[in-house]
C-alpha atoms as a PDB file:
ATOM      1  CA  MET A   1      25.720 -47.135 -15.065  1.00  0.00           C
ATOM      2  CA  SER A   2      25.615 -51.125 -14.010  1.00  0.00           C
ATOM      3  CA  TYR A   3      25.477 -50.733 -10.288  1.00  0.00           C
ATOM      4  CA  THR A   4      23.556 -48.759  -8.203  1.00  0.00           C
ATOM      5  CA  ALA A   5      24.121 -48.535  -4.187  1.00  0.00           C
ATOM      6  CA  HIS A   6      21.937 -49.626  -1.819  1.00  0.00           C
ATOM      7  CA  PRO A   7      19.136 -46.849  -1.382  1.00  0.00           C
ATOM      8  CA  GLU A   8      19.326 -47.423   2.621  1.00  0.00           C
ATOM      9  CA  THR A   9      23.384 -46.519   2.160  1.00  0.00           C
ATOM     10  CA  ARG A  10      24.635 -43.650   4.717  1.00  0.00           C
ATOM     11  CA  VAL A  11      27.483 -41.906   5.480  1.00  0.00           C
ATOM     12  CA  GLY A  12      28.473 -43.795   8.550  1.00  0.00           C
ATOM     13  CA  HIS A  13      31.301 -41.687   9.913  1.00  0.00           C
ATOM     14  CA  VAL A  14      34.011 -39.037   9.200  1.00  0.00           C
ATOM     15  CA  HIS A  15      37.865 -39.652  10.194  1.00  0.00           C
ATOM     16  CA  LEU A  16      39.639 -36.290  10.710  1.00  0.00           C
ATOM     17  CA  LYS A  17      43.524 -35.755  10.771  1.00  0.00           C
ATOM     18  CA  VAL A  18      43.978 -33.332  13.438  1.00  0.00           C
ATOM     19  CA  SER A  19      46.990 -31.628  15.305  1.00  0.00           C
ATOM     20  CA  ASP A  20      46.173 -31.467  18.761  1.00  0.00           C
ATOM     21  CA  LEU A  21      44.226 -34.400  20.078  1.00  0.00           C
ATOM     22  CA  ASP A  22      42.650 -32.882  23.261  1.00  0.00           C
ATOM     23  CA  ARG A  23      42.128 -29.374  21.488  1.00  0.00           C
ATOM     24  CA  SER A  24      39.770 -31.120  19.067  1.00  0.00           C
ATOM     25  CA  ILE A  25      38.256 -33.606  21.550  1.00  0.00           C
ATOM     26  CA  ALA A  26      37.259 -30.320  23.317  1.00  0.00           C
ATOM     27  CA  PHE A  27      35.849 -28.329  20.690  1.00  0.00           C
ATOM     28  CA  TYR A  28      33.543 -31.363  19.103  1.00  0.00           C
ATOM     29  CA  ARG A  29      32.692 -31.907  23.093  1.00  0.00           C
ATOM     30  CA  GLU A  30      31.945 -28.617  23.849  1.00  0.00           C
ATOM     31  CA  VAL A  31      30.934 -26.709  20.878  1.00  0.00           C
ATOM     32  CA  LEU A  32      28.794 -30.023  18.976  1.00  0.00           C
ATOM     33  CA  GLY A  33      28.282 -31.483  21.590  1.00  0.00           C
ATOM     34  CA  LEU A  34      29.501 -35.048  20.807  1.00  0.00           C
ATOM     35  CA  GLU A  35      30.076 -37.427  23.571  1.00  0.00           C
ATOM     36  CA  LEU A  36      33.618 -39.285  23.892  1.00  0.00           C
ATOM     37  CA  ILE A  37      33.176 -42.564  22.615  1.00  0.00           C
ATOM     38  CA  GLN A  38      36.400 -43.910  22.909  1.00  0.00           C
ATOM     39  CA  LYS A  39      40.465 -42.554  23.199  1.00  0.00           C
ATOM     40  CA  PHE A  40      43.384 -44.148  22.256  1.00  0.00           C
ATOM     41  CA  GLY A  41      46.156 -42.555  24.192  1.00  0.00           C
ATOM     42  CA  HIS A  42      47.458 -39.518  22.152  1.00  0.00           C
ATOM     43  CA  GLN A  43      46.837 -40.550  18.705  1.00  0.00           C
ATOM     44  CA  ALA A  44      43.251 -41.032  18.098  1.00  0.00           C
ATOM     45  CA  ALA A  45      39.841 -40.529  20.068  1.00  0.00           C
ATOM     46  CA  PHE A  46      35.934 -41.667  18.638  1.00  0.00           C
ATOM     47  CA  LEU A  47      33.023 -39.720  19.383  1.00  0.00           C
ATOM     48  CA  SER A  48      29.122 -39.549  18.655  1.00  0.00           C
ATOM     49  CA  ALA A  49      25.725 -38.552  19.039  1.00  0.00           C
ATOM     50  CA  GLY A  50      22.754 -40.863  20.511  1.00  0.00           C
ATOM     51  CA  GLY A  51      25.324 -43.810  21.810  1.00  0.00           C
ATOM     52  CA  TYR A  52      26.299 -44.593  17.677  1.00  0.00           C
ATOM     53  CA  HIS A  53      30.367 -46.168  18.268  1.00  0.00           C
ATOM     54  CA  HIS A  54      31.564 -42.734  16.211  1.00  0.00           C
ATOM     55  CA  HIS A  55      30.119 -40.340  14.063  1.00  0.00           C
ATOM     56  CA  VAL A  56      33.488 -38.661  13.761  1.00  0.00           C
ATOM     57  CA  GLY A  57      37.072 -39.963  14.385  1.00  0.00           C
ATOM     58  CA  LEU A  58      39.850 -37.622  14.936  1.00  0.00           C
ATOM     59  CA  ASN A  59      43.486 -38.697  14.800  1.00  0.00           C
ATOM     60  CA  THR A  60      47.239 -37.596  14.978  1.00  0.00           C
ATOM     61  CA  TRP A  61      48.453 -40.559  13.319  1.00  0.00           C
ATOM     62  CA  GLU A  62      49.853 -38.478  10.533  1.00  0.00           C
ATOM     63  CA  SER A  63      49.265 -34.957  11.312  1.00  0.00           C
ATOM     64  CA  ARG A  64      50.633 -34.111  14.864  1.00  0.00           C
ATOM     65  CA  GLY A  65      51.630 -30.726  15.568  1.00  0.00           C
ATOM     66  CA  GLY A  66      50.858 -29.938  11.360  1.00  0.00           C
ATOM     67  CA  THR A  67      48.957 -27.292   9.431  1.00  0.00           C
ATOM     68  CA  PRO A  68      45.719 -27.302   7.708  1.00  0.00           C
ATOM     69  CA  PRO A  69      45.938 -27.810   4.076  1.00  0.00           C
ATOM     70  CA  ALA A  70      46.303 -25.229   1.754  1.00  0.00           C
ATOM     71  CA  PRO A  71      43.865 -23.324  -0.331  1.00  0.00           C
ATOM     72  CA  GLY A  72      43.538 -24.541  -3.394  1.00  0.00           C
ATOM     73  CA  THR A  73      44.456 -28.142  -2.415  1.00  0.00           C
ATOM     74  CA  THR A  74      42.377 -30.968  -2.380  1.00  0.00           C
ATOM     75  CA  GLY A  75      41.023 -32.885   0.240  1.00  0.00           C
ATOM     76  CA  LEU A  76      37.916 -33.140   2.264  1.00  0.00           C
ATOM     77  CA  TYR A  77      35.309 -29.863   1.986  1.00  0.00           C
ATOM     78  CA  HIS A  78      33.213 -30.278   5.018  1.00  0.00           C
ATOM     79  CA  LEU A  79      31.481 -33.044   7.402  1.00  0.00           C
ATOM     80  CA  ALA A  80      28.351 -32.441   7.598  1.00  0.00           C
ATOM     81  CA  LEU A  81      26.220 -33.478  10.877  1.00  0.00           C
ATOM     82  CA  LEU A  82      22.491 -33.711  10.059  1.00  0.00           C
ATOM     83  CA  TYR A  83      19.865 -32.800  12.998  1.00  0.00           C
ATOM     84  CA  PRO A  84      16.501 -34.082  13.151  1.00  0.00           C
ATOM     85  CA  ASP A  85      14.382 -30.987  12.794  1.00  0.00           C
ATOM     86  CA  ARG A  86      14.809 -27.217  12.711  1.00  0.00           C
ATOM     87  CA  PRO A  87      15.041 -26.422  16.700  1.00  0.00           C
ATOM     88  CA  ALA A  88      17.467 -29.156  17.017  1.00  0.00           C
ATOM     89  CA  LEU A  89      19.326 -27.137  14.030  1.00  0.00           C
ATOM     90  CA  ALA A  90      19.134 -23.936  15.995  1.00  0.00           C
ATOM     91  CA  GLN A  91      20.010 -24.962  19.092  1.00  0.00           C
ATOM     92  CA  ALA A  92      22.767 -26.510  17.914  1.00  0.00           C
ATOM     93  CA  LEU A  93      23.849 -23.285  16.185  1.00  0.00           C
ATOM     94  CA  LYS A  94      22.849 -21.283  19.115  1.00  0.00           C
ATOM     95  CA  GLN A  95      25.611 -23.292  20.804  1.00  0.00           C
ATOM     96  CA  ALA A  96      28.089 -22.972  18.538  1.00  0.00           C
ATOM     97  CA  LEU A  97      28.109 -19.178  18.206  1.00  0.00           C
ATOM     98  CA  GLU A  98      28.057 -18.971  22.045  1.00  0.00           C
ATOM     99  CA  SER A  99      31.359 -20.961  22.199  1.00  0.00           C
ATOM    100  CA  GLY A 100      32.708 -18.407  19.851  1.00  0.00           C
ATOM    101  CA  VAL A 101      32.233 -20.166  16.799  1.00  0.00           C
ATOM    102  CA  ARG A 102      32.418 -17.653  13.763  1.00  0.00           C
ATOM    103  CA  LEU A 103      30.635 -18.957  10.937  1.00  0.00           C
ATOM    104  CA  ASP A 104      31.783 -18.779   7.697  1.00  0.00           C
ATOM    105  CA  GLY A 105      28.032 -19.022   5.847  1.00  0.00           C
ATOM    106  CA  ALA A 106      24.538 -19.995   5.943  1.00  0.00           C
ATOM    107  CA  ALA A 107      22.349 -21.116   3.126  1.00  0.00           C
ATOM    108  CA  ASP A 108      18.865 -22.389   2.629  1.00  0.00           C
ATOM    109  CA  HIS A 109      19.282 -25.071  -0.315  1.00  0.00           C
ATOM    110  CA  GLY A 110      15.759 -26.066  -1.130  1.00  0.00           C
ATOM    111  CA  VAL A 111      16.417 -29.302   0.225  1.00  0.00           C
ATOM    112  CA  SER A 112      17.898 -28.395   3.530  1.00  0.00           C
ATOM    113  CA  GLU A 113      19.437 -24.822   5.750  1.00  0.00           C
ATOM    114  CA  ALA A 114      22.700 -25.089   6.564  1.00  0.00           C
ATOM    115  CA  VAL A 115      25.173 -22.983   8.569  1.00  0.00           C
ATOM    116  CA  TYR A 116      28.990 -23.700   7.920  1.00  0.00           C
ATOM    117  CA  PHE A 117      31.977 -23.058  10.140  1.00  0.00           C
ATOM    118  CA  ARG A 118      35.677 -24.590  10.921  1.00  0.00           C
ATOM    119  CA  ASP A 119      36.825 -26.694  13.352  1.00  0.00           C
ATOM    120  CA  PRO A 120      40.498 -25.643  15.042  1.00  0.00           C
ATOM    121  CA  ASP A 121      42.285 -27.129  12.275  1.00  0.00           C
ATOM    122  CA  GLN A 122      40.219 -25.825   9.506  1.00  0.00           C
ATOM    123  CA  ASN A 123      38.304 -28.760   9.169  1.00  0.00           C
ATOM    124  CA  GLY A 124      34.588 -27.179   7.395  1.00  0.00           C
ATOM    125  CA  ILE A 125      31.729 -28.193   9.246  1.00  0.00           C
ATOM    126  CA  GLU A 126      28.127 -28.112   8.083  1.00  0.00           C
ATOM    127  CA  LEU A 127      25.413 -28.268  10.695  1.00  0.00           C
ATOM    128  CA  TYR A 128      22.204 -29.183   8.665  1.00  0.00           C
ATOM    129  CA  VAL A 129      18.629 -29.980   8.632  1.00  0.00           C
ATOM    130  CA  ASP A 130      16.326 -31.644   5.886  1.00  0.00           C
ATOM    131  CA  ARG A 131      13.172 -30.524   4.482  1.00  0.00           C
ATOM    132  CA  ALA A 132      10.630 -33.577   4.033  1.00  0.00           C
ATOM    133  CA  PRO A 133      11.082 -34.755   0.801  1.00  0.00           C
ATOM    134  CA  GLU A 134       7.714 -33.709  -0.943  1.00  0.00           C
ATOM    135  CA  ASP A 135       8.965 -30.180   0.293  1.00  0.00           C
ATOM    136  CA  TRP A 136      11.583 -30.450  -2.174  1.00  0.00           C
ATOM    137  CA  PRO A 137      12.114 -28.239  -5.099  1.00  0.00           C
ATOM    138  CA  ARG A 138      11.593 -29.592  -8.500  1.00  0.00           C
ATOM    139  CA  ASP A 139      11.377 -28.856 -11.905  1.00  0.00           C
ATOM    140  CA  SER A 140       8.544 -29.526 -14.311  1.00  0.00           C
ATOM    141  CA  ASP A 141       9.796 -33.311 -15.016  1.00  0.00           C
ATOM    142  CA  GLY A 142      10.108 -33.768 -11.281  1.00  0.00           C
ATOM    143  CA  ASN A 143      14.081 -33.738 -10.883  1.00  0.00           C
ATOM    144  CA  ILE A 144      15.531 -31.935  -7.617  1.00  0.00           C
ATOM    145  CA  GLU A 145      16.369 -28.129  -8.307  1.00  0.00           C
ATOM    146  CA  MET A 146      18.440 -27.422  -5.322  1.00  0.00           C
ATOM    147  CA  PHE A 147      19.929 -23.697  -4.909  1.00  0.00           C
ATOM    148  CA  ASN A 148      21.637 -21.097  -2.575  1.00  0.00           C
ATOM    149  CA  ALA A 149      19.711 -18.594  -1.098  1.00  0.00           C
ATOM    150  CA  PRO A 150      20.609 -16.549   2.138  1.00  0.00           C
ATOM    151  CA  LEU A 151      19.469 -18.359   5.349  1.00  0.00           C
ATOM    152  CA  ASP A 152      17.551 -16.224   8.145  1.00  0.00           C
ATOM    153  CA  ILE A 153      19.772 -16.883  11.066  1.00  0.00           C
ATOM    154  CA  PRO A 154      17.693 -14.870  13.597  1.00  0.00           C
ATOM    155  CA  ALA A 155      14.538 -16.651  12.229  1.00  0.00           C
ATOM    156  CA  LEU A 156      16.437 -20.117  13.179  1.00  0.00           C
ATOM    157  CA  LEU A 157      17.961 -18.863  16.367  1.00  0.00           C
ATOM    158  CA  SER A 158      14.252 -17.821  17.749  1.00  0.00           C
ATOM    159  CA  GLU A 159      13.606 -21.412  17.525  1.00  0.00           C
ATOM    160  CA  ALA A 160      16.744 -22.531  19.678  1.00  0.00           C
END
């Protein structure tokens, strides 16, 4: 491998094809608490946290009135929103559950703790918090060893 991405490279935003723009805007605002930054008619919208230009783009350019991809097809598995600490993740989870979201799963991955659910168009969403890198599980050679263990949801929610 001759090229390595700059170590400060980050995923800046995700753009999702949705079937109903207003329904999706409502979900991302009311359930996830994202702010609507800009809307382009009935075709696209940009939402973010903290005043960033956009973390999530929503559009109906190719998908207005469409249906979710069939299981077993390729595409986006999920978008992931990283929270700064465990209490912030707990508050986000509490809001999602109070909004009627049904969890698809929750896991302790050693390097992070995460919960998973779907938006109205069945796009996967992960809400997570990273552990400090010095706390990540490693093998005897120092390589990261992630795992998939159950996450204690009640203990997480107690921090909300």
